[in-house]
């Protein structure tokens, strides 16, 4: 991929450049032309013909809490509309929403959802497992089903948009039309009502207590540098973690090291099963893998040991499914670092 300028302003027209903004903020997940990747595809004709510009705008602003898609609240309204315009340019025709439906029965809609929708969207409408169209999705499906029981989705999607999607289906995905599923328009209205009822669960949502977790774990070692490294490696191996490599941080940046010993060493380690689990949940977590602990000795002889705080993963990547594994990883780091002073 070519290196892009961070200039997002179209000076010729005196307005934000939606193409550049999309390339900077969206293309890494959704693809240069909206074909999808870690994120779902945006250029599907059936998608663009069944959502409004307001839906796209609100999706960018609110994101999908806990579902990989972040909220881009730092973008101005003008910038956000410019991205919407860029996405809309991929459409081959106009948006055509189905007419308004009649009030539905959410209890009846729950039963219909369980029979026809839960297989892909989950029994509680939380969405499919995995990411995007070519990463960790289930391989019998070309795209991961989005979360419907999600505050970001329900803030962006009107009942008419949900109804339109149910009636038309979405070619290029497993989403069939209501007719192919044998559903009547009343069935569709009942399902819409059930999906809308998810909003009640968001009214008393608690603030995530780990949202402000420290980005790093850090301890001061009472041991000399070499002894600290030895103790760490013993603690890592004792927990059935494989030491993958040791990397001096100044390697290639300075001349010969004093006494042949590095004073800044990163120890990479991991359990293959756990690493694969994390990558399957969210490929982006790979920037922090394999696990790494860094030992540094300052000019004053003070030895510090640091590691990234895994409790920040869920919030950094906006993926609620990282919660359990990030807690496990946090406990592992704390246990290993705790052995330095024992």
C-alpha atoms as a PDB file:
ATOM      1  CA  UNK A   1       0.000   0.000   0.000  1.00  0.00           C
ATOM      2  CA  UNK A   2       1.324   3.429  -0.869  1.00  0.00           C
ATOM      3  CA  UNK A   3       2.231   5.801   1.922  1.00  0.00           C
ATOM      4  CA  UNK A   4      -0.545   8.329   2.278  1.00  0.00           C
ATOM      5  CA  UNK A   5      -0.246  11.959   3.135  1.00  0.00           C
ATOM      6  CA  UNK A   6      -2.038  12.904   6.339  1.00  0.00           C
ATOM      7  CA  UNK A   7      -3.446  15.941   4.548  1.00  0.00           C
ATOM      8  CA  UNK A   8      -7.212  15.502   4.605  1.00  0.00           C
ATOM      9  CA  UNK A   9      -8.241  18.912   3.329  1.00  0.00           C
ATOM     10  CA  UNK A  10      -9.072  19.433  -0.338  1.00  0.00           C
ATOM     11  CA  UNK A  11      -7.614  22.892  -0.787  1.00  0.00           C
ATOM     12  CA  UNK A  12      -8.980  23.245  -4.314  1.00  0.00           C
ATOM     13  CA  UNK A  13     -12.570  22.940  -3.129  1.00  0.00           C
ATOM     14  CA  UNK A  14     -12.074  24.296   0.368  1.00  0.00           C
ATOM     15  CA  UNK A  15     -13.593  21.204   2.018  1.00  0.00           C
ATOM     16  CA  UNK A  16     -12.426  17.943   3.614  1.00  0.00           C
ATOM     17  CA  UNK A  17     -11.196  15.255   1.232  1.00  0.00           C
ATOM     18  CA  UNK A  18     -13.352  12.209   1.971  1.00  0.00           C
ATOM     19  CA  UNK A  19     -11.102   9.860   0.018  1.00  0.00           C
ATOM     20  CA  UNK A  20      -8.022  10.761   2.023  1.00  0.00           C
ATOM     21  CA  UNK A  21      -9.937  10.652   5.294  1.00  0.00           C
ATOM     22  CA  UNK A  22     -11.272   7.209   4.414  1.00  0.00           C
ATOM     23  CA  UNK A  23      -7.759   6.015   3.516  1.00  0.00           C
ATOM     24  CA  UNK A  24      -6.393   7.245   6.833  1.00  0.00           C
ATOM     25  CA  UNK A  25      -9.161   6.099   9.159  1.00  0.00           C
ATOM     26  CA  UNK A  26     -11.123   3.312   7.450  1.00  0.00           C
ATOM     27  CA  UNK A  27      -9.229   1.505   4.690  1.00  0.00           C
ATOM     28  CA  UNK A  28      -7.027  -0.577   6.993  1.00  0.00           C
ATOM     29  CA  UNK A  29     -10.103  -2.477   8.193  1.00  0.00           C
ATOM     30  CA  UNK A  30     -12.681  -2.063   5.407  1.00  0.00           C
ATOM     31  CA  UNK A  31     -10.358  -2.166   2.393  1.00  0.00           C
ATOM     32  CA  UNK A  32      -9.306   0.541  -0.056  1.00  0.00           C
ATOM     33  CA  UNK A  33     -12.503   0.079  -2.074  1.00  0.00           C
ATOM     34  CA  UNK A  34     -14.765  -1.061   0.732  1.00  0.00           C
ATOM     35  CA  UNK A  35     -14.381  -4.769   0.013  1.00  0.00           C
ATOM     36  CA  UNK A  36     -13.816  -5.612   3.665  1.00  0.00           C
ATOM     37  CA  UNK A  37     -11.028  -7.153   5.692  1.00  0.00           C
ATOM     38  CA  UNK A  38     -10.938  -7.012   9.466  1.00  0.00           C
ATOM     39  CA  UNK A  39     -14.041  -4.866   9.063  1.00  0.00           C
ATOM     40  CA  UNK A  40     -17.187  -5.811   7.138  1.00  0.00           C
ATOM     41  CA  UNK A  41     -17.564  -4.850   3.452  1.00  0.00           C
ATOM     42  CA  UNK A  42     -19.128  -1.453   2.787  1.00  0.00           C
ATOM     43  CA  UNK A  43     -19.359  -1.488  -0.994  1.00  0.00           C
ATOM     44  CA  UNK A  44     -21.937  -4.266  -1.338  1.00  0.00           C
ATOM     45  CA  UNK A  45     -24.763  -2.937  -3.547  1.00  0.00           C
ATOM     46  CA  UNK A  46     -27.461  -4.358  -1.267  1.00  0.00           C
ATOM     47  CA  UNK A  47     -25.877  -2.656   1.726  1.00  0.00           C
ATOM     48  CA  UNK A  48     -25.572   0.767   0.137  1.00  0.00           C
ATOM     49  CA  UNK A  49     -29.104   0.629  -1.273  1.00  0.00           C
ATOM     50  CA  UNK A  50     -30.624  -0.158   2.126  1.00  0.00           C
ATOM     51  CA  UNK A  51     -28.910   2.371   4.402  1.00  0.00           C
ATOM     52  CA  UNK A  52     -29.137   6.146   4.512  1.00  0.00           C
ATOM     53  CA  UNK A  53     -26.357   8.688   4.688  1.00  0.00           C
ATOM     54  CA  UNK A  54     -27.466   9.433   8.256  1.00  0.00           C
ATOM     55  CA  UNK A  55     -26.944   5.762   9.128  1.00  0.00           C
ATOM     56  CA  UNK A  56     -23.368   5.921   7.783  1.00  0.00           C
ATOM     57  CA  UNK A  57     -22.733   9.202   9.601  1.00  0.00           C
ATOM     58  CA  UNK A  58     -23.982   7.881  12.954  1.00  0.00           C
ATOM     59  CA  UNK A  59     -22.091   4.617  12.524  1.00  0.00           C
ATOM     60  CA  UNK A  60     -18.842   6.524  12.116  1.00  0.00           C
ATOM     61  CA  UNK A  61     -19.643   8.754  15.087  1.00  0.00           C
ATOM     62  CA  UNK A  62     -20.861   6.054  17.501  1.00  0.00           C
ATOM     63  CA  UNK A  63     -19.000   2.986  16.255  1.00  0.00           C
ATOM     64  CA  UNK A  64     -20.068  -0.388  17.575  1.00  0.00           C
ATOM     65  CA  UNK A  65     -19.157  -0.623  21.278  1.00  0.00           C
ATOM     66  CA  UNK A  66     -17.435  -3.932  21.973  1.00  0.00           C
ATOM     67  CA  UNK A  67     -17.500  -4.999  18.288  1.00  0.00           C
ATOM     68  CA  UNK A  68     -14.145  -3.867  16.804  1.00  0.00           C
ATOM     69  CA  UNK A  69     -15.588  -0.811  15.014  1.00  0.00           C
ATOM     70  CA  UNK A  70     -14.460   2.205  17.098  1.00  0.00           C
ATOM     71  CA  UNK A  71     -16.221   5.525  17.462  1.00  0.00           C
ATOM     72  CA  UNK A  72     -14.561   8.361  15.511  1.00  0.00           C
ATOM     73  CA  UNK A  73     -15.797  11.192  17.706  1.00  0.00           C
ATOM     74  CA  UNK A  74     -12.576  13.125  17.171  1.00  0.00           C
ATOM     75  CA  UNK A  75     -13.574  13.792  13.552  1.00  0.00           C
ATOM     76  CA  UNK A  76     -15.587  16.922  12.907  1.00  0.00           C
ATOM     77  CA  UNK A  77     -19.060  16.723  11.403  1.00  0.00           C
ATOM     78  CA  UNK A  78     -17.672  18.082   8.128  1.00  0.00           C
ATOM     79  CA  UNK A  79     -14.970  15.412   8.033  1.00  0.00           C
ATOM     80  CA  UNK A  80     -17.457  12.662   8.866  1.00  0.00           C
ATOM     81  CA  UNK A  81     -19.861  13.753   6.111  1.00  0.00           C
ATOM     82  CA  UNK A  82     -16.923  13.795   3.686  1.00  0.00           C
ATOM     83  CA  UNK A  83     -16.224  10.116   4.468  1.00  0.00           C
ATOM     84  CA  UNK A  84     -19.934   9.340   4.037  1.00  0.00           C
ATOM     85  CA  UNK A  85     -19.812  10.993   0.623  1.00  0.00           C
ATOM     86  CA  UNK A  86     -16.803   8.909  -0.374  1.00  0.00           C
ATOM     87  CA  UNK A  87     -18.541   5.668   0.639  1.00  0.00           C
ATOM     88  CA  UNK A  88     -21.763   6.709  -1.070  1.00  0.00           C
ATOM     89  CA  UNK A  89     -19.867   7.187  -4.345  1.00  0.00           C
ATOM     90  CA  UNK A  90     -19.532   3.390  -4.549  1.00  0.00           C
ATOM     91  CA  UNK A  91     -23.306   2.979  -4.800  1.00  0.00           C
ATOM     92  CA  UNK A  92     -24.674   1.993  -8.197  1.00  0.00           C
ATOM     93  CA  UNK A  93     -28.142   3.335  -7.493  1.00  0.00           C
ATOM     94  CA  UNK A  94     -30.255   5.256  -5.025  1.00  0.00           C
ATOM     95  CA  UNK A  95     -31.171   4.228  -1.504  1.00  0.00           C
ATOM     96  CA  UNK A  96     -34.547   2.512  -1.547  1.00  0.00           C
ATOM     97  CA  UNK A  97     -36.034   1.843   1.869  1.00  0.00           C
ATOM     98  CA  UNK A  98     -39.114  -0.292   2.397  1.00  0.00           C
ATOM     99  CA  UNK A  99     -42.268   1.500   3.594  1.00  0.00           C
ATOM    100  CA  UNK A 100     -42.910   1.913   7.299  1.00  0.00           C
ATOM    101  CA  UNK A 101     -44.236  -1.257   8.902  1.00  0.00           C
ATOM    102  CA  UNK A 102     -46.925  -1.767  11.496  1.00  0.00           C
ATOM    103  CA  UNK A 103     -46.248  -2.045  15.252  1.00  0.00           C
ATOM    104  CA  UNK A 104     -44.846  -5.512  15.919  1.00  0.00           C
ATOM    105  CA  UNK A 105     -45.046  -7.952  18.806  1.00  0.00           C
ATOM    106  CA  UNK A 106     -41.561  -8.255  20.380  1.00  0.00           C
ATOM    107  CA  UNK A 107     -42.414 -11.534  22.129  1.00  0.00           C
ATOM    108  CA  UNK A 108     -43.475 -13.140  18.868  1.00  0.00           C
ATOM    109  CA  UNK A 109     -40.448 -11.545  17.210  1.00  0.00           C
ATOM    110  CA  UNK A 110     -38.188 -13.227  19.779  1.00  0.00           C
ATOM    111  CA  UNK A 111     -39.417 -16.669  18.671  1.00  0.00           C
ATOM    112  CA  UNK A 112     -38.994 -15.842  14.979  1.00  0.00           C
ATOM    113  CA  UNK A 113     -35.505 -14.437  15.644  1.00  0.00           C
ATOM    114  CA  UNK A 114     -34.515 -17.640  17.467  1.00  0.00           C
ATOM    115  CA  UNK A 115     -35.611 -19.779  14.511  1.00  0.00           C
ATOM    116  CA  UNK A 116     -34.259 -17.713  11.627  1.00  0.00           C
ATOM    117  CA  UNK A 117     -31.661 -15.204  12.861  1.00  0.00           C
ATOM    118  CA  UNK A 118     -29.871 -16.501  15.950  1.00  0.00           C
ATOM    119  CA  UNK A 119     -27.707 -18.971  14.040  1.00  0.00           C
ATOM    120  CA  UNK A 120     -25.736 -16.080  12.529  1.00  0.00           C
ATOM    121  CA  UNK A 121     -26.425 -13.124  14.829  1.00  0.00           C
ATOM    122  CA  UNK A 122     -26.287 -15.074  18.096  1.00  0.00           C
ATOM    123  CA  UNK A 123     -29.169 -15.985  20.448  1.00  0.00           C
ATOM    124  CA  UNK A 124     -28.994 -12.554  22.086  1.00  0.00           C
ATOM    125  CA  UNK A 125     -28.250 -10.681  18.871  1.00  0.00           C
ATOM    126  CA  UNK A 126     -24.675  -9.914  19.905  1.00  0.00           C
ATOM    127  CA  UNK A 127     -23.307 -10.799  16.465  1.00  0.00           C
ATOM    128  CA  UNK A 128     -21.207 -13.501  14.857  1.00  0.00           C
ATOM    129  CA  UNK A 129     -17.841 -14.749  16.043  1.00  0.00           C
ATOM    130  CA  UNK A 130     -14.635 -13.534  14.422  1.00  0.00           C
ATOM    131  CA  UNK A 131     -13.748 -10.530  12.303  1.00  0.00           C
ATOM    132  CA  UNK A 132     -14.406  -9.294   8.809  1.00  0.00           C
ATOM    133  CA  UNK A 133     -14.440 -11.234   5.560  1.00  0.00           C
ATOM    134  CA  UNK A 134     -11.043 -12.904   5.430  1.00  0.00           C
ATOM    135  CA  UNK A 135      -9.556 -13.129   8.886  1.00  0.00           C
ATOM    136  CA  UNK A 136     -11.026 -15.097  11.800  1.00  0.00           C
ATOM    137  CA  UNK A 137     -14.612 -15.572  10.641  1.00  0.00           C
ATOM    138  CA  UNK A 138     -16.166 -19.019  10.476  1.00  0.00           C
ATOM    139  CA  UNK A 139     -15.104 -20.337   7.090  1.00  0.00           C
ATOM    140  CA  UNK A 140     -18.570 -21.543   6.105  1.00  0.00           C
ATOM    141  CA  UNK A 141     -19.704 -17.913   6.023  1.00  0.00           C
ATOM    142  CA  UNK A 142     -18.285 -15.176   3.763  1.00  0.00           C
ATOM    143  CA  UNK A 143     -18.786 -12.416   6.321  1.00  0.00           C
ATOM    144  CA  UNK A 144     -19.291 -12.128  10.074  1.00  0.00           C
ATOM    145  CA  UNK A 145     -22.883 -11.275  11.032  1.00  0.00           C
ATOM    146  CA  UNK A 146     -23.036  -7.847  12.698  1.00  0.00           C
ATOM    147  CA  UNK A 147     -24.197  -7.286  16.251  1.00  0.00           C
ATOM    148  CA  UNK A 148     -27.810  -6.088  16.400  1.00  0.00           C
ATOM    149  CA  UNK A 149     -27.976  -5.949  20.181  1.00  0.00           C
ATOM    150  CA  UNK A 150     -25.574  -3.022  20.161  1.00  0.00           C
ATOM    151  CA  UNK A 151     -26.082   0.611  21.171  1.00  0.00           C
ATOM    152  CA  UNK A 152     -24.118   1.913  18.192  1.00  0.00           C
ATOM    153  CA  UNK A 153     -26.149  -0.081  15.676  1.00  0.00           C
ATOM    154  CA  UNK A 154     -29.510   0.818  17.198  1.00  0.00           C
ATOM    155  CA  UNK A 155     -28.581   4.503  17.399  1.00  0.00           C
ATOM    156  CA  UNK A 156     -27.766   4.494  13.681  1.00  0.00           C
ATOM    157  CA  UNK A 157     -30.374   2.111  12.242  1.00  0.00           C
ATOM    158  CA  UNK A 158     -33.983   3.216  11.963  1.00  0.00           C
ATOM    159  CA  UNK A 159     -36.784   0.671  12.016  1.00  0.00           C
ATOM    160  CA  UNK A 160     -37.176   1.204   8.258  1.00  0.00           C
ATOM    161  CA  UNK A 161     -33.535   0.295   7.650  1.00  0.00           C
ATOM    162  CA  UNK A 162     -33.855  -2.888   9.719  1.00  0.00           C
ATOM    163  CA  UNK A 163     -37.130  -3.718   7.973  1.00  0.00           C
ATOM    164  CA  UNK A 164     -35.601  -3.109   4.546  1.00  0.00           C
ATOM    165  CA  UNK A 165     -32.686  -5.432   5.273  1.00  0.00           C
ATOM    166  CA  UNK A 166     -35.019  -8.182   6.455  1.00  0.00           C
ATOM    167  CA  UNK A 167     -37.288  -7.842   3.427  1.00  0.00           C
ATOM    168  CA  UNK A 168     -34.532  -7.575   0.806  1.00  0.00           C
ATOM    169  CA  UNK A 169     -31.770  -9.662   2.337  1.00  0.00           C
ATOM    170  CA  UNK A 170     -28.186  -8.884   1.389  1.00  0.00           C
ATOM    171  CA  UNK A 171     -26.567 -10.559  -1.583  1.00  0.00           C
ATOM    172  CA  UNK A 172     -22.947 -11.534  -1.008  1.00  0.00           C
ATOM    173  CA  UNK A 173     -23.697 -12.524   2.595  1.00  0.00           C
ATOM    174  CA  UNK A 174     -25.700 -15.322   4.276  1.00  0.00           C
ATOM    175  CA  UNK A 175     -28.511 -12.790   4.937  1.00  0.00           C
ATOM    176  CA  UNK A 176     -31.549 -14.063   3.007  1.00  0.00           C
ATOM    177  CA  UNK A 177     -34.680 -12.119   2.178  1.00  0.00           C
ATOM    178  CA  UNK A 178     -37.813 -12.610   4.287  1.00  0.00           C
ATOM    179  CA  UNK A 179     -39.501 -14.321   1.345  1.00  0.00           C
ATOM    180  CA  UNK A 180     -36.753 -16.936   1.090  1.00  0.00           C
ATOM    181  CA  UNK A 181     -37.024 -17.542   4.827  1.00  0.00           C
ATOM    182  CA  UNK A 182     -40.794 -17.925   4.532  1.00  0.00           C
ATOM    183  CA  UNK A 183     -41.560 -14.831   6.617  1.00  0.00           C
ATOM    184  CA  UNK A 184     -44.544 -12.547   6.150  1.00  0.00           C
ATOM    185  CA  UNK A 185     -44.386  -8.779   6.484  1.00  0.00           C
ATOM    186  CA  UNK A 186     -46.002  -9.096   9.906  1.00  0.00           C
ATOM    187  CA  UNK A 187     -43.257 -11.543  10.907  1.00  0.00           C
ATOM    188  CA  UNK A 188     -40.714  -8.961   9.798  1.00  0.00           C
ATOM    189  CA  UNK A 189     -42.392  -6.227  11.849  1.00  0.00           C
ATOM    190  CA  UNK A 190     -42.356  -8.501  14.893  1.00  0.00           C
ATOM    191  CA  UNK A 191     -38.627  -9.148  14.471  1.00  0.00           C
ATOM    192  CA  UNK A 192     -37.965  -5.410  14.067  1.00  0.00           C
ATOM    193  CA  UNK A 193     -39.842  -4.796  17.305  1.00  0.00           C
ATOM    194  CA  UNK A 194     -37.818  -7.456  19.081  1.00  0.00           C
ATOM    195  CA  UNK A 195     -34.514  -6.008  17.845  1.00  0.00           C
ATOM    196  CA  UNK A 196     -35.571  -2.515  18.910  1.00  0.00           C
ATOM    197  CA  UNK A 197     -36.381  -3.851  22.389  1.00  0.00           C
ATOM    198  CA  UNK A 198     -32.644  -4.437  22.941  1.00  0.00           C
ATOM    199  CA  UNK A 199     -32.323  -0.711  23.623  1.00  0.00           C
ATOM    200  CA  UNK A 200     -33.846  -1.174  27.079  1.00  0.00           C
ATOM    201  CA  UNK A 201     -30.757  -3.077  28.212  1.00  0.00           C
ATOM    202  CA  UNK A 202     -28.509  -0.085  27.461  1.00  0.00           C
ATOM    203  CA  UNK A 203     -30.310   2.388  29.733  1.00  0.00           C
ATOM    204  CA  UNK A 204     -28.447   1.388  32.891  1.00  0.00           C
ATOM    205  CA  UNK A 205     -25.156   0.316  31.345  1.00  0.00           C
ATOM    206  CA  UNK A 206     -22.328   0.543  33.835  1.00  0.00           C
ATOM    207  CA  UNK A 207     -19.075   2.319  33.006  1.00  0.00           C
ATOM    208  CA  UNK A 208     -16.250  -0.144  32.410  1.00  0.00           C
ATOM    209  CA  UNK A 209     -14.055   0.059  35.536  1.00  0.00           C
ATOM    210  CA  UNK A 210     -10.998  -0.912  33.465  1.00  0.00           C
ATOM    211  CA  UNK A 211     -11.384   1.879  30.930  1.00  0.00           C
ATOM    212  CA  UNK A 212      -8.637   3.846  32.699  1.00  0.00           C
ATOM    213  CA  UNK A 213      -6.354   0.911  33.510  1.00  0.00           C
ATOM    214  CA  UNK A 214      -2.675   1.862  33.422  1.00  0.00           C
ATOM    215  CA  UNK A 215      -1.201   1.151  29.976  1.00  0.00           C
ATOM    216  CA  UNK A 216       1.828  -0.608  31.448  1.00  0.00           C
ATOM    217  CA  UNK A 217       2.823  -2.814  34.373  1.00  0.00           C
ATOM    218  CA  UNK A 218       6.109  -1.756  35.980  1.00  0.00           C
ATOM    219  CA  UNK A 219       8.163  -2.946  38.940  1.00  0.00           C
ATOM    220  CA  UNK A 220      11.598  -2.084  40.298  1.00  0.00           C
ATOM    221  CA  UNK A 221      13.835  -5.104  40.784  1.00  0.00           C
ATOM    222  CA  UNK A 222      15.925  -5.428  43.959  1.00  0.00           C
ATOM    223  CA  UNK A 223      18.273  -7.715  42.010  1.00  0.00           C
ATOM    224  CA  UNK A 224      21.124  -6.871  39.637  1.00  0.00           C
ATOM    225  CA  UNK A 225      20.355  -6.837  35.910  1.00  0.00           C
ATOM    226  CA  UNK A 226      21.642 -10.340  35.104  1.00  0.00           C
ATOM    227  CA  UNK A 227      19.972 -11.904  38.135  1.00  0.00           C
ATOM    228  CA  UNK A 228      16.693 -10.178  37.295  1.00  0.00           C
ATOM    229  CA  UNK A 229      16.782 -11.617  33.779  1.00  0.00           C
ATOM    230  CA  UNK A 230      17.557 -15.092  35.138  1.00  0.00           C
ATOM    231  CA  UNK A 231      14.690 -14.926  37.653  1.00  0.00           C
ATOM    232  CA  UNK A 232      12.240 -13.746  34.997  1.00  0.00           C
ATOM    233  CA  UNK A 233      13.167 -16.556  32.617  1.00  0.00           C
ATOM    234  CA  UNK A 234      12.703 -19.112  35.389  1.00  0.00           C
ATOM    235  CA  UNK A 235       9.281 -17.647  36.227  1.00  0.00           C
ATOM    236  CA  UNK A 236       8.230 -17.678  32.560  1.00  0.00           C
ATOM    237  CA  UNK A 237       9.288 -21.300  32.034  1.00  0.00           C
ATOM    238  CA  UNK A 238       7.638 -22.400  35.276  1.00  0.00           C
ATOM    239  CA  UNK A 239       4.297 -21.274  33.855  1.00  0.00           C
ATOM    240  CA  UNK A 240       4.640 -23.396  30.725  1.00  0.00           C
ATOM    241  CA  UNK A 241       5.465 -20.427  28.554  1.00  0.00           C
ATOM    242  CA  UNK A 242       8.013 -20.888  25.817  1.00  0.00           C
ATOM    243  CA  UNK A 243      10.779 -18.288  25.610  1.00  0.00           C
ATOM    244  CA  UNK A 244      10.857 -17.416  21.917  1.00  0.00           C
ATOM    245  CA  UNK A 245      13.758 -15.004  21.793  1.00  0.00           C
ATOM    246  CA  UNK A 246      15.716 -12.340  23.674  1.00  0.00           C
ATOM    247  CA  UNK A 247      16.328  -9.047  21.940  1.00  0.00           C
ATOM    248  CA  UNK A 248      18.650  -6.255  23.140  1.00  0.00           C
ATOM    249  CA  UNK A 249      16.788  -2.994  22.531  1.00  0.00           C
ATOM    250  CA  UNK A 250      19.974  -1.228  21.428  1.00  0.00           C
ATOM    251  CA  UNK A 251      20.889  -3.965  18.948  1.00  0.00           C
ATOM    252  CA  UNK A 252      22.209  -2.317  15.788  1.00  0.00           C
ATOM    253  CA  UNK A 253      21.855   1.187  17.237  1.00  0.00           C
ATOM    254  CA  UNK A 254      25.095   1.438  19.230  1.00  0.00           C
ATOM    255  CA  UNK A 255      28.638   0.142  19.159  1.00  0.00           C
ATOM    256  CA  UNK A 256      29.957  -2.796  21.137  1.00  0.00           C
ATOM    257  CA  UNK A 257      28.198  -3.183  24.465  1.00  0.00           C
ATOM    258  CA  UNK A 258      30.095  -2.806  27.698  1.00  0.00           C
ATOM    259  CA  UNK A 259      31.421  -6.161  28.855  1.00  0.00           C
ATOM    260  CA  UNK A 260      29.345  -7.798  26.103  1.00  0.00           C
ATOM    261  CA  UNK A 261      26.201  -7.327  28.161  1.00  0.00           C
ATOM    262  CA  UNK A 262      23.015  -5.474  27.194  1.00  0.00           C
ATOM    263  CA  UNK A 263      21.380  -3.229  29.734  1.00  0.00           C
ATOM    264  CA  UNK A 264      18.097  -3.129  27.840  1.00  0.00           C
ATOM    265  CA  UNK A 265      16.668  -6.561  27.078  1.00  0.00           C
ATOM    266  CA  UNK A 266      13.251  -7.637  25.785  1.00  0.00           C
ATOM    267  CA  UNK A 267      12.221 -11.216  26.517  1.00  0.00           C
ATOM    268  CA  UNK A 268       9.594 -12.606  24.117  1.00  0.00           C
ATOM    269  CA  UNK A 269       7.548 -15.615  25.198  1.00  0.00           C
ATOM    270  CA  UNK A 270       4.179 -17.252  24.773  1.00  0.00           C
ATOM    271  CA  UNK A 271       1.929 -20.270  24.897  1.00  0.00           C
ATOM    272  CA  UNK A 272       0.935 -21.201  21.333  1.00  0.00           C
ATOM    273  CA  UNK A 273      -2.626 -22.120  22.292  1.00  0.00           C
ATOM    274  CA  UNK A 274      -3.155 -18.795  24.048  1.00  0.00           C
ATOM    275  CA  UNK A 275      -1.533 -16.791  21.248  1.00  0.00           C
ATOM    276  CA  UNK A 276      -3.802 -18.451  18.676  1.00  0.00           C
ATOM    277  CA  UNK A 277      -6.851 -17.759  20.842  1.00  0.00           C
ATOM    278  CA  UNK A 278      -6.032 -14.064  21.049  1.00  0.00           C
ATOM    279  CA  UNK A 279      -5.369 -13.746  17.316  1.00  0.00           C
ATOM    280  CA  UNK A 280      -8.622 -15.547  16.516  1.00  0.00           C
ATOM    281  CA  UNK A 281     -10.547 -13.036  18.627  1.00  0.00           C
ATOM    282  CA  UNK A 282      -8.886 -10.012  17.051  1.00  0.00           C
ATOM    283  CA  UNK A 283      -5.948 -10.099  14.575  1.00  0.00           C
ATOM    284  CA  UNK A 284      -4.932  -6.573  15.575  1.00  0.00           C
ATOM    285  CA  UNK A 285      -3.759  -7.883  18.943  1.00  0.00           C
ATOM    286  CA  UNK A 286      -0.783  -9.258  17.036  1.00  0.00           C
ATOM    287  CA  UNK A 287       1.062  -5.970  17.509  1.00  0.00           C
ATOM    288  CA  UNK A 288       1.462  -6.965  21.186  1.00  0.00           C
ATOM    289  CA  UNK A 289       2.309 -10.619  20.533  1.00  0.00           C
ATOM    290  CA  UNK A 290       4.209 -12.668  21.429  1.00  0.00           C
ATOM    291  CA  UNK A 291       4.134 -11.644  25.078  1.00  0.00           C
ATOM    292  CA  UNK A 292       7.017  -9.400  26.013  1.00  0.00           C
ATOM    293  CA  UNK A 293       8.698  -8.255  29.221  1.00  0.00           C
ATOM    294  CA  UNK A 294      11.421  -5.615  29.065  1.00  0.00           C
ATOM    295  CA  UNK A 295      14.301  -5.268  31.544  1.00  0.00           C
ATOM    296  CA  UNK A 296      16.155  -1.958  31.684  1.00  0.00           C
ATOM    297  CA  UNK A 297      19.080  -0.794  33.792  1.00  0.00           C
ATOM    298  CA  UNK A 298      19.550   2.937  34.148  1.00  0.00           C
ATOM    299  CA  UNK A 299      22.791   4.821  34.560  1.00  0.00           C
ATOM    300  CA  UNK A 300      22.163   4.823  38.300  1.00  0.00           C
ATOM    301  CA  UNK A 301      22.096   1.011  38.330  1.00  0.00           C
ATOM    302  CA  UNK A 302      18.351   0.886  38.988  1.00  0.00           C
ATOM    303  CA  UNK A 303      16.697  -2.083  37.230  1.00  0.00           C
ATOM    304  CA  UNK A 304      13.089  -1.735  36.092  1.00  0.00           C
ATOM    305  CA  UNK A 305      10.885  -4.379  34.508  1.00  0.00           C
ATOM    306  CA  UNK A 306       7.911  -3.405  32.332  1.00  0.00           C
ATOM    307  CA  UNK A 307       5.159  -5.072  30.320  1.00  0.00           C
ATOM    308  CA  UNK A 308       2.089  -3.820  28.487  1.00  0.00           C
ATOM    309  CA  UNK A 309      -1.069  -4.035  30.624  1.00  0.00           C
ATOM    310  CA  UNK A 310      -3.409  -6.533  28.915  1.00  0.00           C
ATOM    311  CA  UNK A 311      -6.419  -4.999  30.671  1.00  0.00           C
ATOM    312  CA  UNK A 312      -6.172  -2.161  28.182  1.00  0.00           C
ATOM    313  CA  UNK A 313      -6.690  -4.507  25.214  1.00  0.00           C
ATOM    314  CA  UNK A 314     -10.482  -4.587  25.378  1.00  0.00           C
ATOM    315  CA  UNK A 315     -10.828  -0.816  25.387  1.00  0.00           C
ATOM    316  CA  UNK A 316      -7.979  -0.157  22.982  1.00  0.00           C
ATOM    317  CA  UNK A 317      -9.425  -2.530  20.388  1.00  0.00           C
ATOM    318  CA  UNK A 318     -13.119  -2.072  21.233  1.00  0.00           C
ATOM    319  CA  UNK A 319     -13.640  -5.835  21.418  1.00  0.00           C
ATOM    320  CA  UNK A 320     -15.542  -7.193  24.417  1.00  0.00           C
ATOM    321  CA  UNK A 321     -14.478 -10.761  23.582  1.00  0.00           C
ATOM    322  CA  UNK A 322     -10.953  -9.897  24.679  1.00  0.00           C
ATOM    323  CA  UNK A 323     -12.087  -9.500  28.284  1.00  0.00           C
ATOM    324  CA  UNK A 324     -11.521 -13.077  29.476  1.00  0.00           C
ATOM    325  CA  UNK A 325      -8.232 -13.659  27.669  1.00  0.00           C
ATOM    326  CA  UNK A 326      -6.848 -10.254  28.623  1.00  0.00           C
ATOM    327  CA  UNK A 327      -7.596 -10.999  32.284  1.00  0.00           C
ATOM    328  CA  UNK A 328      -5.756 -14.313  31.983  1.00  0.00           C
ATOM    329  CA  UNK A 329      -2.792 -12.570  30.380  1.00  0.00           C
ATOM    330  CA  UNK A 330      -2.798  -9.854  33.065  1.00  0.00           C
ATOM    331  CA  UNK A 331      -2.702 -12.477  35.815  1.00  0.00           C
ATOM    332  CA  UNK A 332       0.225 -14.168  34.070  1.00  0.00           C
ATOM    333  CA  UNK A 333       2.239 -10.936  33.857  1.00  0.00           C
ATOM    334  CA  UNK A 334       1.517 -10.025  37.461  1.00  0.00           C
ATOM    335  CA  UNK A 335       2.570 -13.485  38.653  1.00  0.00           C
ATOM    336  CA  UNK A 336       5.822 -13.391  36.673  1.00  0.00           C
ATOM    337  CA  UNK A 337       6.722  -9.861  37.769  1.00  0.00           C
ATOM    338  CA  UNK A 338       5.836 -10.747  41.363  1.00  0.00           C
ATOM    339  CA  UNK A 339       8.546 -13.392  41.510  1.00  0.00           C
ATOM    340  CA  UNK A 340      11.346 -10.921  41.031  1.00  0.00           C
ATOM    341  CA  UNK A 341      11.235  -9.842  44.676  1.00  0.00           C
ATOM    342  CA  UNK A 342      10.523 -13.290  46.158  1.00  0.00           C
END
